[in-house]
């Protein structure tokens, strides 16, 4: 079972191990960047995050609770499209 009802995103352990992740659904794209915090970017279109016009950006604690909050935030951005 995925951690998201909408997106195929790995479990928190993947990010706790220092990995970044990107994906898309329809024309909604997102990237989760790992650092001291989890940083989530969203945009519309098929361009990569470096070339796209980022529409939303938020940071979350690098913890299971922060990760869960990020998933909810990401799903809300998708539903607002």
C-alpha atoms as a PDB file:
ATOM      1  CA  UNK A   1       0.000   0.000   0.000  1.00  0.00           C
ATOM      2  CA  UNK A   2       1.307   3.426  -0.927  1.00  0.00           C
ATOM      3  CA  UNK A   3       1.686   6.167   1.659  1.00  0.00           C
ATOM      4  CA  UNK A   4      -0.518   8.378  -0.533  1.00  0.00           C
ATOM      5  CA  UNK A   5      -4.016   7.793  -1.859  1.00  0.00           C
ATOM      6  CA  UNK A   6      -3.072   9.660  -5.056  1.00  0.00           C
ATOM      7  CA  UNK A   7       0.676   9.300  -5.684  1.00  0.00           C
ATOM      8  CA  UNK A   8       3.131   6.396  -5.708  1.00  0.00           C
ATOM      9  CA  UNK A   9       5.605   7.733  -3.148  1.00  0.00           C
ATOM     10  CA  UNK A  10       8.098   5.590  -1.211  1.00  0.00           C
ATOM     11  CA  UNK A  11       7.823   5.230   2.557  1.00  0.00           C
ATOM     12  CA  UNK A  12       9.607   7.612   4.922  1.00  0.00           C
ATOM     13  CA  UNK A  13      12.652   5.315   5.185  1.00  0.00           C
ATOM     14  CA  UNK A  14      13.530   6.154   1.554  1.00  0.00           C
ATOM     15  CA  UNK A  15      13.836   9.845   2.459  1.00  0.00           C
ATOM     16  CA  UNK A  16      15.402   9.186   5.861  1.00  0.00           C
ATOM     17  CA  UNK A  17      18.184   7.466   3.879  1.00  0.00           C
ATOM     18  CA  UNK A  18      18.923  10.749   2.048  1.00  0.00           C
ATOM     19  CA  UNK A  19      17.120  10.250  -1.266  1.00  0.00           C
ATOM     20  CA  UNK A  20      15.194  12.759  -3.405  1.00  0.00           C
ATOM     21  CA  UNK A  21      12.080  11.760  -5.333  1.00  0.00           C
ATOM     22  CA  UNK A  22      10.019  13.219  -8.176  1.00  0.00           C
ATOM     23  CA  UNK A  23       6.864  12.172  -9.925  1.00  0.00           C
ATOM     24  CA  UNK A  24       3.718  13.300 -11.677  1.00  0.00           C
ATOM     25  CA  UNK A  25       0.057  12.530 -12.145  1.00  0.00           C
ATOM     26  CA  UNK A  26      -1.721  13.900 -15.191  1.00  0.00           C
ATOM     27  CA  UNK A  27      -0.127  17.341 -15.730  1.00  0.00           C
ATOM     28  CA  UNK A  28       0.669  17.846 -12.012  1.00  0.00           C
ATOM     29  CA  UNK A  29       4.346  17.346 -11.182  1.00  0.00           C
ATOM     30  CA  UNK A  30       6.186  17.328  -7.869  1.00  0.00           C
ATOM     31  CA  UNK A  31       9.651  16.898  -6.403  1.00  0.00           C
ATOM     32  CA  UNK A  32      10.615  16.030  -2.845  1.00  0.00           C
ATOM     33  CA  UNK A  33      14.141  17.177  -1.981  1.00  0.00           C
ATOM     34  CA  UNK A  34      15.987  15.861   1.016  1.00  0.00           C
ATOM     35  CA  UNK A  35      18.180  17.967   3.306  1.00  0.00           C
ATOM     36  CA  UNK A  36      17.894  19.142   6.889  1.00  0.00           C
ATOM     37  CA  UNK A  37      14.175  19.251   6.066  1.00  0.00           C
ATOM     38  CA  UNK A  38      12.004  17.738   3.349  1.00  0.00           C
ATOM     39  CA  UNK A  39      11.289  20.336   0.683  1.00  0.00           C
ATOM     40  CA  UNK A  40       8.359  19.736  -1.644  1.00  0.00           C
ATOM     41  CA  UNK A  41       7.885  21.598  -4.943  1.00  0.00           C
ATOM     42  CA  UNK A  42       4.868  21.437  -7.258  1.00  0.00           C
ATOM     43  CA  UNK A  43       4.171  22.682 -10.790  1.00  0.00           C
ATOM     44  CA  UNK A  44       2.081  21.846 -13.822  1.00  0.00           C
ATOM     45  CA  UNK A  45       3.544  20.472 -17.018  1.00  0.00           C
ATOM     46  CA  UNK A  46       6.160  17.955 -18.064  1.00  0.00           C
ATOM     47  CA  UNK A  47       9.264  20.141 -17.606  1.00  0.00           C
ATOM     48  CA  UNK A  48      11.799  19.171 -14.959  1.00  0.00           C
ATOM     49  CA  UNK A  49      11.824  21.174 -11.730  1.00  0.00           C
ATOM     50  CA  UNK A  50      14.870  23.188 -12.811  1.00  0.00           C
ATOM     51  CA  UNK A  51      13.073  24.489 -15.921  1.00  0.00           C
ATOM     52  CA  UNK A  52       9.491  24.677 -14.616  1.00  0.00           C
ATOM     53  CA  UNK A  53       7.709  27.598 -12.981  1.00  0.00           C
ATOM     54  CA  UNK A  54       7.332  26.323  -9.413  1.00  0.00           C
ATOM     55  CA  UNK A  55       3.795  27.049  -8.203  1.00  0.00           C
ATOM     56  CA  UNK A  56       4.017  25.835  -4.595  1.00  0.00           C
ATOM     57  CA  UNK A  57       6.888  25.134  -2.246  1.00  0.00           C
ATOM     58  CA  UNK A  58       6.929  24.043   1.408  1.00  0.00           C
ATOM     59  CA  UNK A  59       9.334  22.544   3.932  1.00  0.00           C
ATOM     60  CA  UNK A  60       8.580  19.830   6.470  1.00  0.00           C
ATOM     61  CA  UNK A  61      10.506  18.271   9.332  1.00  0.00           C
ATOM     62  CA  UNK A  62      12.603  15.250   8.415  1.00  0.00           C
ATOM     63  CA  UNK A  63      10.536  12.952  10.626  1.00  0.00           C
ATOM     64  CA  UNK A  64       7.643  10.549  10.148  1.00  0.00           C
ATOM     65  CA  UNK A  65       5.243  13.265  11.335  1.00  0.00           C
ATOM     66  CA  UNK A  66       6.724  15.830   8.941  1.00  0.00           C
ATOM     67  CA  UNK A  67       6.575  13.298   6.121  1.00  0.00           C
ATOM     68  CA  UNK A  68       2.900  12.551   6.844  1.00  0.00           C
ATOM     69  CA  UNK A  69       2.140  16.298   6.837  1.00  0.00           C
ATOM     70  CA  UNK A  70       3.973  16.671   3.522  1.00  0.00           C
ATOM     71  CA  UNK A  71       1.889  13.898   1.927  1.00  0.00           C
ATOM     72  CA  UNK A  72      -1.337  15.609   3.045  1.00  0.00           C
ATOM     73  CA  UNK A  73      -0.065  18.977   1.774  1.00  0.00           C
ATOM     74  CA  UNK A  74       0.901  17.460  -1.593  1.00  0.00           C
ATOM     75  CA  UNK A  75      -2.488  15.764  -2.001  1.00  0.00           C
ATOM     76  CA  UNK A  76      -4.249  19.069  -1.213  1.00  0.00           C
ATOM     77  CA  UNK A  77      -2.195  20.892  -3.881  1.00  0.00           C
ATOM     78  CA  UNK A  78      -3.212  18.210  -6.405  1.00  0.00           C
ATOM     79  CA  UNK A  79      -6.901  18.441  -5.486  1.00  0.00           C
ATOM     80  CA  UNK A  80      -6.761  22.268  -5.776  1.00  0.00           C
ATOM     81  CA  UNK A  81      -5.557  22.101  -9.391  1.00  0.00           C
END
